[in-house]
Amino acid sequence: MTQDYLIGEVSICLQRLEAAAGHEAVGDVMRLRHEVEAGPPAGLTAAVARALAVADGMCWASLGRGDAEAFMCQAQASEDLRQFATYARLIADF
C-alpha cells in the first residue's frame, strides 16, 4: 500500500468516527484527522492509537448515558478504523 493510500483511508475512517462523535469528542477527532492529513506517514500508528482511545471513551460515555444508537454508530466507526489499521499493519492484531 502506498503512503498516500494509507493516509487517505485513515482519514476516511476518522471522518466516519467524527460523524459518530458526540459534541465532547468531535474536536479531538477533528484534530487527529488534521494531524493524519498534514503530518508525516510515520505518525499514522500513533494517531490511530490515540483515535482508538478517543473512540473507546466515546463509546463508554454513550453507554453511561444509555444512548444505544450513538454507541452502535461509534462502535462501528471504531471497529472500521481498528480493522483497517490492523490489515495495514499500523497496529498489532488483538
PDB file of N, CA and C in Angstrom:
ATOM      1  N   MET A   1       0.837  -1.173   0.000  1.00  0.00           N
ATOM      2  CA  MET A   1       0.000   0.000   0.000  1.00  0.00           C
ATOM      3  C   MET A   1       0.883   1.237   0.000  1.00  0.00           C
ATOM      4  N   THR A   2       0.480   2.236  -0.750  1.00  0.00           N
ATOM      5  CA  THR A   2       1.252   3.471  -0.765  1.00  0.00           C
ATOM      6  C   THR A   2       0.922   4.297   0.474  1.00  0.00           C
ATOM      7  N   GLN A   3       1.825   5.172   0.816  1.00  0.00           N
ATOM      8  CA  GLN A   3       1.625   6.019   1.992  1.00  0.00           C
ATOM      9  C   GLN A   3       0.417   6.940   1.810  1.00  0.00           C
ATOM     10  N   ASP A   4       0.226   7.452   0.600  1.00  0.00           N
ATOM     11  CA  ASP A   4      -0.935   8.314   0.341  1.00  0.00           C
ATOM     12  C   ASP A   4      -2.238   7.546   0.531  1.00  0.00           C
ATOM     13  N   TYR A   5      -2.269   6.297   0.110  1.00  0.00           N
ATOM     14  CA  TYR A   5      -3.454   5.468   0.290  1.00  0.00           C
ATOM     15  C   TYR A   5      -3.737   5.260   1.780  1.00  0.00           C
ATOM     16  N   LEU A   6      -2.696   4.941   2.543  1.00  0.00           N
ATOM     17  CA  LEU A   6      -2.862   4.735   3.977  1.00  0.00           C
ATOM     18  C   LEU A   6      -3.405   5.990   4.655  1.00  0.00           C
ATOM     19  N   ILE A   7      -2.820   7.132   4.328  1.00  0.00           N
ATOM     20  CA  ILE A   7      -3.270   8.397   4.907  1.00  0.00           C
ATOM     21  C   ILE A   7      -4.731   8.651   4.537  1.00  0.00           C
ATOM     22  N   GLY A   8      -5.074   8.429   3.285  1.00  0.00           N
ATOM     23  CA  GLY A   8      -6.444   8.651   2.827  1.00  0.00           C
ATOM     24  C   GLY A   8      -7.446   7.752   3.516  1.00  0.00           C
ATOM     25  N   GLU A   9      -7.124   6.495   3.652  1.00  0.00           N
ATOM     26  CA  GLU A   9      -8.050   5.554   4.296  1.00  0.00           C
ATOM     27  C   GLU A   9      -8.214   5.841   5.784  1.00  0.00           C
ATOM     28  N   VAL A  10      -7.115   6.157   6.455  1.00  0.00           N
ATOM     29  CA  VAL A  10      -7.216   6.501   7.876  1.00  0.00           C
ATOM     30  C   VAL A  10      -8.044   7.781   8.021  1.00  0.00           C
ATOM     31  N   SER A  11      -7.841   8.742   7.132  1.00  0.00           N
ATOM     32  CA  SER A  11      -8.613   9.976   7.170  1.00  0.00           C
ATOM     33  C   SER A  11     -10.111   9.703   6.989  1.00  0.00           C
ATOM     34  N   ILE A  12     -10.451   8.814   6.084  1.00  0.00           N
ATOM     35  CA  ILE A  12     -11.860   8.450   5.872  1.00  0.00           C
ATOM     36  C   ILE A  12     -12.439   7.784   7.111  1.00  0.00           C
ATOM     37  N   CYS A  13     -11.670   6.897   7.715  1.00  0.00           N
ATOM     38  CA  CYS A  13     -12.134   6.247   8.953  1.00  0.00           C
ATOM     39  C   CYS A  13     -12.347   7.278  10.057  1.00  0.00           C
ATOM     40  N   LEU A  14     -11.446   8.244  10.151  1.00  0.00           N
ATOM     41  CA  LEU A  14     -11.592   9.291  11.162  1.00  0.00           C
ATOM     42  C   LEU A  14     -12.782  10.199  10.856  1.00  0.00           C
ATOM     43  N   GLN A  15     -13.049  10.406   9.579  1.00  0.00           N
ATOM     44  CA  GLN A  15     -14.227  11.195   9.197  1.00  0.00           C
ATOM     45  C   GLN A  15     -15.499  10.497   9.673  1.00  0.00           C
ATOM     46  N   ARG A  16     -15.559   9.191   9.519  1.00  0.00           N
ATOM     47  CA  ARG A  16     -16.718   8.430   9.997  1.00  0.00           C
ATOM     48  C   ARG A  16     -16.815   8.482  11.521  1.00  0.00           C
ATOM     49  N   LEU A  17     -15.671   8.393  12.183  1.00  0.00           N
ATOM     50  CA  LEU A  17     -15.654   8.477  13.641  1.00  0.00           C
ATOM     51  C   LEU A  17     -16.092   9.869  14.091  1.00  0.00           C
ATOM     52  N   GLU A  18     -15.649  10.880  13.372  1.00  0.00           N
ATOM     53  CA  GLU A  18     -16.041  12.257  13.673  1.00  0.00           C
ATOM     54  C   GLU A  18     -17.557  12.431  13.555  1.00  0.00           C
ATOM     55  N   ALA A  19     -18.137  11.832  12.530  1.00  0.00           N
ATOM     56  CA  ALA A  19     -19.585  11.929  12.326  1.00  0.00           C
ATOM     57  C   ALA A  19     -20.345  11.247  13.457  1.00  0.00           C
ATOM     58  N   ALA A  20     -19.762  10.230  14.055  1.00  0.00           N
ATOM     59  CA  ALA A  20     -20.418   9.489  15.138  1.00  0.00           C
ATOM     60  C   ALA A  20     -20.114  10.086  16.513  1.00  0.00           C
ATOM     61  N   ALA A  21     -19.144  10.987  16.569  1.00  0.00           N
ATOM     62  CA  ALA A  21     -18.698  11.530  17.850  1.00  0.00           C
ATOM     63  C   ALA A  21     -19.754  12.433  18.463  1.00  0.00           C
ATOM     64  N   GLY A  22     -19.813  12.383  19.764  1.00  0.00           N
ATOM     65  CA  GLY A  22     -20.637  13.340  20.489  1.00  0.00           C
ATOM     66  C   GLY A  22     -19.922  14.677  20.526  1.00  0.00           C
ATOM     67  N   HIS A  23     -20.622  15.696  20.951  1.00  0.00           N
ATOM     68  CA  HIS A  23     -20.028  17.032  20.946  1.00  0.00           C
ATOM     69  C   HIS A  23     -18.791  17.128  21.834  1.00  0.00           C
ATOM     70  N   GLU A  24     -18.654  16.232  22.820  1.00  0.00           N
ATOM     71  CA  GLU A  24     -17.486  16.274  23.697  1.00  0.00           C
ATOM     72  C   GLU A  24     -16.208  15.861  22.973  1.00  0.00           C
ATOM     73  N   ALA A  25     -16.297  14.929  22.039  1.00  0.00           N
ATOM     74  CA  ALA A  25     -15.103  14.341  21.423  1.00  0.00           C
ATOM     75  C   ALA A  25     -14.867  14.773  19.982  1.00  0.00           C
ATOM     76  N   VAL A  26     -15.791  15.494  19.390  1.00  0.00           N
ATOM     77  CA  VAL A  26     -15.648  15.822  17.976  1.00  0.00           C
ATOM     78  C   VAL A  26     -14.376  16.633  17.716  1.00  0.00           C
ATOM     79  N   GLY A  27     -14.015  17.531  18.619  1.00  0.00           N
ATOM     80  CA  GLY A  27     -12.797  18.320  18.442  1.00  0.00           C
ATOM     81  C   GLY A  27     -11.547  17.459  18.464  1.00  0.00           C
ATOM     82  N   ASP A  28     -11.523  16.469  19.344  1.00  0.00           N
ATOM     83  CA  ASP A  28     -10.371  15.560  19.413  1.00  0.00           C
ATOM     84  C   ASP A  28     -10.205  14.799  18.108  1.00  0.00           C
ATOM     85  N   VAL A  29     -11.305  14.310  17.571  1.00  0.00           N
ATOM     86  CA  VAL A  29     -11.238  13.536  16.327  1.00  0.00           C
ATOM     87  C   VAL A  29     -10.848  14.444  15.164  1.00  0.00           C
ATOM     88  N   MET A  30     -11.369  15.666  15.146  1.00  0.00           N
ATOM     89  CA  MET A  30     -11.003  16.615  14.081  1.00  0.00           C
ATOM     90  C   MET A  30      -9.503  16.909  14.111  1.00  0.00           C
ATOM     91  N   ARG A  31      -8.955  17.104  15.310  1.00  0.00           N
ATOM     92  CA  ARG A  31      -7.512  17.370  15.428  1.00  0.00           C
ATOM     93  C   ARG A  31      -6.687  16.168  14.953  1.00  0.00           C
ATOM     94  N   LEU A  32      -7.126  14.975  15.308  1.00  0.00           N
ATOM     95  CA  LEU A  32      -6.407  13.778  14.858  1.00  0.00           C
ATOM     96  C   LEU A  32      -6.473  13.643  13.337  1.00  0.00           C
ATOM     97  N   ARG A  33      -7.622  13.929  12.786  1.00  0.00           N
ATOM     98  CA  ARG A  33      -7.763  13.840  11.322  1.00  0.00           C
ATOM     99  C   ARG A  33      -6.833  14.836  10.634  1.00  0.00           C
ATOM    100  N   HIS A  34      -6.773  16.051  11.146  1.00  0.00           N
ATOM    101  CA  HIS A  34      -5.869  17.054  10.576  1.00  0.00           C
ATOM    102  C   HIS A  34      -4.416  16.599  10.710  1.00  0.00           C
ATOM    103  N   GLU A  35      -4.084  16.028  11.859  1.00  0.00           N
ATOM    104  CA  GLU A  35      -2.724  15.528  12.092  1.00  0.00           C
ATOM    105  C   GLU A  35      -2.368  14.442  11.078  1.00  0.00           C
ATOM    106  N   VAL A  36      -3.309  13.538  10.818  1.00  0.00           N
ATOM    107  CA  VAL A  36      -3.071  12.460   9.854  1.00  0.00           C
ATOM    108  C   VAL A  36      -2.882  13.034   8.454  1.00  0.00           C
ATOM    109  N   GLU A  37      -3.731  13.981   8.076  1.00  0.00           N
ATOM    110  CA  GLU A  37      -3.682  14.525   6.719  1.00  0.00           C
ATOM    111  C   GLU A  37      -2.468  15.423   6.475  1.00  0.00           C
ATOM    112  N   ALA A  38      -2.010  16.119   7.518  1.00  0.00           N
ATOM    113  CA  ALA A  38      -0.913  17.078   7.346  1.00  0.00           C
ATOM    114  C   ALA A  38       0.433  16.549   7.821  1.00  0.00           C
ATOM    115  N   GLY A  39       0.410  15.513   8.629  1.00  0.00           N
ATOM    116  CA  GLY A  39       1.648  15.020   9.222  1.00  0.00           C
ATOM    117  C   GLY A  39       2.345  13.979   8.376  1.00  0.00           C
ATOM    118  N   PRO A  40       3.494  13.546   8.844  1.00  0.00           N
ATOM    119  CA  PRO A  40       4.248  12.529   8.116  1.00  0.00           C
ATOM    120  C   PRO A  40       3.590  11.148   8.268  1.00  0.00           C
ATOM    121  N   PRO A  41       3.751  10.293   7.281  1.00  0.00           N
ATOM    122  CA  PRO A  41       3.180   8.947   7.363  1.00  0.00           C
ATOM    123  C   PRO A  41       3.662   8.169   8.584  1.00  0.00           C
ATOM    124  N   ALA A  42       4.832   8.487   9.075  1.00  0.00           N
ATOM    125  CA  ALA A  42       5.357   7.790  10.250  1.00  0.00           C
ATOM    126  C   ALA A  42       4.497   8.037  11.487  1.00  0.00           C
ATOM    127  N   GLY A  43       3.680   9.066  11.473  1.00  0.00           N
ATOM    128  CA  GLY A  43       2.823   9.380  12.607  1.00  0.00           C
ATOM    129  C   GLY A  43       1.496   8.654  12.609  1.00  0.00           C
ATOM    130  N   LEU A  44       1.228   7.861  11.578  1.00  0.00           N
ATOM    131  CA  LEU A  44      -0.073   7.183  11.481  1.00  0.00           C
ATOM    132  C   LEU A  44      -0.332   6.228  12.638  1.00  0.00           C
ATOM    133  N   THR A  45       0.662   5.465  13.021  1.00  0.00           N
ATOM    134  CA  THR A  45       0.473   4.480  14.084  1.00  0.00           C
ATOM    135  C   THR A  45       0.048   5.156  15.380  1.00  0.00           C
ATOM    136  N   ALA A  46       0.740   6.212  15.755  1.00  0.00           N
ATOM    137  CA  ALA A  46       0.404   6.922  16.992  1.00  0.00           C
ATOM    138  C   ALA A  46      -0.964   7.584  16.890  1.00  0.00           C
ATOM    139  N   ALA A  47      -1.280   8.160  15.739  1.00  0.00           N
ATOM    140  CA  ALA A  47      -2.573   8.815  15.561  1.00  0.00           C
ATOM    141  C   ALA A  47      -3.718   7.804  15.638  1.00  0.00           C
ATOM    142  N   VAL A  48      -3.531   6.644  15.043  1.00  0.00           N
ATOM    143  CA  VAL A  48      -4.561   5.597  15.104  1.00  0.00           C
ATOM    144  C   VAL A  48      -4.754   5.136  16.543  1.00  0.00           C
ATOM    145  N   ALA A  49      -3.675   4.949  17.266  1.00  0.00           N
ATOM    146  CA  ALA A  49      -3.781   4.523  18.670  1.00  0.00           C
ATOM    147  C   ALA A  49      -4.548   5.556  19.490  1.00  0.00           C
ATOM    148  N   ARG A  50      -4.250   6.830  19.275  1.00  0.00           N
ATOM    149  CA  ARG A  50      -4.972   7.877  20.005  1.00  0.00           C
ATOM    150  C   ARG A  50      -6.437   7.923  19.584  1.00  0.00           C
ATOM    151  N   ALA A  51      -6.703   7.751  18.301  1.00  0.00           N
ATOM    152  CA  ALA A  51      -8.094   7.755  17.816  1.00  0.00           C
ATOM    153  C   ALA A  51      -8.889   6.604  18.421  1.00  0.00           C
ATOM    154  N   LEU A  52      -8.280   5.450  18.529  1.00  0.00           N
ATOM    155  CA  LEU A  52      -8.970   4.316  19.138  1.00  0.00           C
ATOM    156  C   LEU A  52      -9.230   4.560  20.615  1.00  0.00           C
ATOM    157  N   ALA A  53      -8.316   5.238  21.288  1.00  0.00           N
ATOM    158  CA  ALA A  53      -8.535   5.572  22.698  1.00  0.00           C
ATOM    159  C   ALA A  53      -9.678   6.576  22.833  1.00  0.00           C
ATOM    160  N   VAL A  54      -9.733   7.570  21.951  1.00  0.00           N
ATOM    161  CA  VAL A  54     -10.830   8.539  21.964  1.00  0.00           C
ATOM    162  C   VAL A  54     -12.150   7.826  21.679  1.00  0.00           C
ATOM    163  N   ALA A  55     -12.145   6.922  20.709  1.00  0.00           N
ATOM    164  CA  ALA A  55     -13.363   6.174  20.365  1.00  0.00           C
ATOM    165  C   ALA A  55     -13.834   5.326  21.536  1.00  0.00           C
ATOM    166  N   ASP A  56     -12.902   4.736  22.252  1.00  0.00           N
ATOM    167  CA  ASP A  56     -13.256   3.944  23.421  1.00  0.00           C
ATOM    168  C   ASP A  56     -13.962   4.818  24.460  1.00  0.00           C
ATOM    169  N   GLY A  57     -13.409   5.990  24.683  1.00  0.00           N
ATOM    170  CA  GLY A  57     -14.032   6.921  25.623  1.00  0.00           C
ATOM    171  C   GLY A  57     -15.414   7.359  25.172  1.00  0.00           C
ATOM    172  N   MET A  58     -15.562   7.588  23.861  1.00  0.00           N
ATOM    173  CA  MET A  58     -16.872   7.976  23.325  1.00  0.00           C
ATOM    174  C   MET A  58     -17.895   6.870  23.558  1.00  0.00           C
ATOM    175  N   CYS A  59     -17.488   5.650  23.305  1.00  0.00           N
ATOM    176  CA  CYS A  59     -18.398   4.514  23.477  1.00  0.00           C
ATOM    177  C   CYS A  59     -18.822   4.371  24.938  1.00  0.00           C
ATOM    178  N   TRP A  60     -17.866   4.483  25.849  1.00  0.00           N
ATOM    179  CA  TRP A  60     -18.199   4.374  27.267  1.00  0.00           C
ATOM    180  C   TRP A  60     -19.127   5.498  27.706  1.00  0.00           C
ATOM    181  N   ALA A  61     -18.890   6.702  27.199  1.00  0.00           N
ATOM    182  CA  ALA A  61     -19.759   7.833  27.540  1.00  0.00           C
ATOM    183  C   ALA A  61     -21.184   7.596  27.039  1.00  0.00           C
ATOM    184  N   SER A  62     -21.296   7.069  25.835  1.00  0.00           N
ATOM    185  CA  SER A  62     -22.635   6.778  25.282  1.00  0.00           C
ATOM    186  C   SER A  62     -23.344   5.712  26.105  1.00  0.00           C
ATOM    187  N   LEU A  63     -22.605   4.686  26.491  1.00  0.00           N
ATOM    188  CA  LEU A  63     -23.198   3.648  27.341  1.00  0.00           C
ATOM    189  C   LEU A  63     -23.640   4.226  28.679  1.00  0.00           C
ATOM    190  N   GLY A  64     -22.826   5.108  29.239  1.00  0.00           N
ATOM    191  CA  GLY A  64     -23.155   5.733  30.513  1.00  0.00           C
ATOM    192  C   GLY A  64     -24.422   6.568  30.439  1.00  0.00           C
ATOM    193  N   ARG A  65     -24.663   7.158  29.275  1.00  0.00           N
ATOM    194  CA  ARG A  65     -25.888   7.945  29.068  1.00  0.00           C
ATOM    195  C   ARG A  65     -27.071   7.077  28.670  1.00  0.00           C
ATOM    196  N   GLY A  66     -26.794   5.814  28.377  1.00  0.00           N
ATOM    197  CA  GLY A  66     -27.855   4.923  27.913  1.00  0.00           C
ATOM    198  C   GLY A  66     -28.240   5.179  26.465  1.00  0.00           C
ATOM    199  N   ASP A  67     -27.324   5.752  25.687  1.00  0.00           N
ATOM    200  CA  ASP A  67     -27.588   6.089  24.281  1.00  0.00           C
ATOM    201  C   ASP A  67     -27.085   4.963  23.385  1.00  0.00           C
ATOM    202  N   ALA A  68     -27.923   3.966  23.212  1.00  0.00           N
ATOM    203  CA  ALA A  68     -27.536   2.779  22.441  1.00  0.00           C
ATOM    204  C   ALA A  68     -27.273   3.105  20.977  1.00  0.00           C
ATOM    205  N   GLU A  69     -28.045   4.021  20.408  1.00  0.00           N
ATOM    206  CA  GLU A  69     -27.874   4.360  18.992  1.00  0.00           C
ATOM    207  C   GLU A  69     -26.505   5.003  18.748  1.00  0.00           C
ATOM    208  N   ALA A  70     -26.134   5.962  19.606  1.00  0.00           N
ATOM    209  CA  ALA A  70     -24.815   6.594  19.465  1.00  0.00           C
ATOM    210  C   ALA A  70     -23.717   5.563  19.670  1.00  0.00           C
ATOM    211  N   PHE A  71     -23.886   4.707  20.691  1.00  0.00           N
ATOM    212  CA  PHE A  71     -22.889   3.669  20.948  1.00  0.00           C
ATOM    213  C   PHE A  71     -22.677   2.791  19.729  1.00  0.00           C
ATOM    214  N   MET A  72     -23.747   2.360  19.100  1.00  0.00           N
ATOM    215  CA  MET A  72     -23.616   1.467  17.942  1.00  0.00           C
ATOM    216  C   MET A  72     -22.882   2.153  16.789  1.00  0.00           C
ATOM    217  N   CYS A  73     -23.188   3.418  16.535  1.00  0.00           N
ATOM    218  CA  CYS A  73     -22.504   4.162  15.467  1.00  0.00           C
ATOM    219  C   CYS A  73     -21.021   4.329  15.791  1.00  0.00           C
ATOM    220  N   GLN A  74     -20.732   4.675  17.034  1.00  0.00           N
ATOM    221  CA  GLN A  74     -19.344   4.880  17.451  1.00  0.00           C
ATOM    222  C   GLN A  74     -18.561   3.574  17.429  1.00  0.00           C
ATOM    223  N   ALA A  75     -19.192   2.516  17.901  1.00  0.00           N
ATOM    224  CA  ALA A  75     -18.515   1.212  17.927  1.00  0.00           C
ATOM    225  C   ALA A  75     -18.211   0.738  16.506  1.00  0.00           C
ATOM    226  N   GLN A  76     -19.140   0.950  15.576  1.00  0.00           N
ATOM    227  CA  GLN A  76     -18.910   0.537  14.190  1.00  0.00           C
ATOM    228  C   GLN A  76     -17.780   1.344  13.557  1.00  0.00           C
ATOM    229  N   ALA A  77     -17.783   2.653  13.774  1.00  0.00           N
ATOM    230  CA  ALA A  77     -16.715   3.502  13.217  1.00  0.00           C
ATOM    231  C   ALA A  77     -15.365   3.123  13.820  1.00  0.00           C
ATOM    232  N   SER A  78     -15.358   2.843  15.113  1.00  0.00           N
ATOM    233  CA  SER A  78     -14.130   2.425  15.788  1.00  0.00           C
ATOM    234  C   SER A  78     -13.628   1.096  15.237  1.00  0.00           C
ATOM    235  N   GLU A  79     -14.530   0.162  15.055  1.00  0.00           N
ATOM    236  CA  GLU A  79     -14.148  -1.152  14.522  1.00  0.00           C
ATOM    237  C   GLU A  79     -13.616  -1.036  13.098  1.00  0.00           C
ATOM    238  N   ASP A  80     -14.227  -0.193  12.288  1.00  0.00           N
ATOM    239  CA  ASP A  80     -13.738   0.011  10.916  1.00  0.00           C
ATOM    240  C   ASP A  80     -12.299   0.534  10.931  1.00  0.00           C
ATOM    241  N   LEU A  81     -12.035   1.503  11.806  1.00  0.00           N
ATOM    242  CA  LEU A  81     -10.674   2.047  11.927  1.00  0.00           C
ATOM    243  C   LEU A  81      -9.711   0.979  12.419  1.00  0.00           C
ATOM    244  N   ARG A  82     -10.095   0.252  13.456  1.00  0.00           N
ATOM    245  CA  ARG A  82      -9.232  -0.789  14.012  1.00  0.00           C
ATOM    246  C   ARG A  82      -8.931  -1.870  12.979  1.00  0.00           C
ATOM    247  N   GLN A  83      -9.964  -2.271  12.264  1.00  0.00           N
ATOM    248  CA  GLN A  83      -9.792  -3.332  11.273  1.00  0.00           C
ATOM    249  C   GLN A  83      -8.861  -2.885  10.143  1.00  0.00           C
ATOM    250  N   PHE A  84      -9.069  -1.666   9.615  1.00  0.00           N
ATOM    251  CA  PHE A  84      -8.186  -1.186   8.557  1.00  0.00           C
ATOM    252  C   PHE A  84      -6.754  -1.072   9.069  1.00  0.00           C
ATOM    253  N   ALA A  85      -6.594  -0.484  10.257  1.00  0.00           N
ATOM    254  CA  ALA A  85      -5.247  -0.294  10.801  1.00  0.00           C
ATOM    255  C   ALA A  85      -4.550  -1.625  11.043  1.00  0.00           C
ATOM    256  N   THR A  86      -5.310  -2.632  11.438  1.00  0.00           N
ATOM    257  CA  THR A  86      -4.725  -3.963  11.646  1.00  0.00           C
ATOM    258  C   THR A  86      -4.278  -4.559  10.307  1.00  0.00           C
ATOM    259  N   TYR A  87      -5.147  -4.499   9.306  1.00  0.00           N
ATOM    260  CA  TYR A  87      -4.794  -5.054   7.995  1.00  0.00           C
ATOM    261  C   TYR A  87      -3.630  -4.309   7.350  1.00  0.00           C
ATOM    262  N   ALA A  88      -3.548  -2.997   7.613  1.00  0.00           N
ATOM    263  CA  ALA A  88      -2.464  -2.188   7.050  1.00  0.00           C
ATOM    264  C   ALA A  88      -1.191  -2.289   7.893  1.00  0.00           C
ATOM    265  N   ARG A  89      -1.267  -3.066   8.976  1.00  0.00           N
ATOM    266  CA  ARG A  89      -0.155  -3.282   9.894  1.00  0.00           C
ATOM    267  C   ARG A  89       0.327  -1.981  10.552  1.00  0.00           C
ATOM    268  N   LEU A  90      -0.657  -1.110  10.823  1.00  0.00           N
ATOM    269  CA  LEU A  90      -0.355   0.103  11.572  1.00  0.00           C
ATOM    270  C   LEU A  90      -0.432  -0.172  13.066  1.00  0.00           C
ATOM    271  N   ILE A  91      -1.235  -1.164  13.429  1.00  0.00           N
ATOM    272  CA  ILE A  91      -1.348  -1.604  14.826  1.00  0.00           C
ATOM    273  C   ILE A  91      -1.299  -3.123  14.850  1.00  0.00           C
ATOM    274  N   ALA A  92      -1.019  -3.678  16.005  1.00  0.00           N
ATOM    275  CA  ALA A  92      -0.966  -5.130  16.159  1.00  0.00           C
ATOM    276  C   ALA A  92      -2.387  -5.686  16.248  1.00  0.00           C
ATOM    277  N   ASP A  93      -2.559  -6.883  15.756  1.00  0.00           N
ATOM    278  CA  ASP A  93      -3.844  -7.564  15.865  1.00  0.00           C
ATOM    279  C   ASP A  93      -4.039  -8.005  17.297  1.00  0.00           C
ATOM    280  N   PHE A  94      -5.225  -7.819  17.819  1.00  0.00           N
ATOM    281  CA  PHE A  94      -5.517  -8.180  19.211  1.00  0.00           C
ATOM    282  C   PHE A  94      -6.001  -9.605  19.269  1.00  0.00           C
TER     283      PHE A  94
END
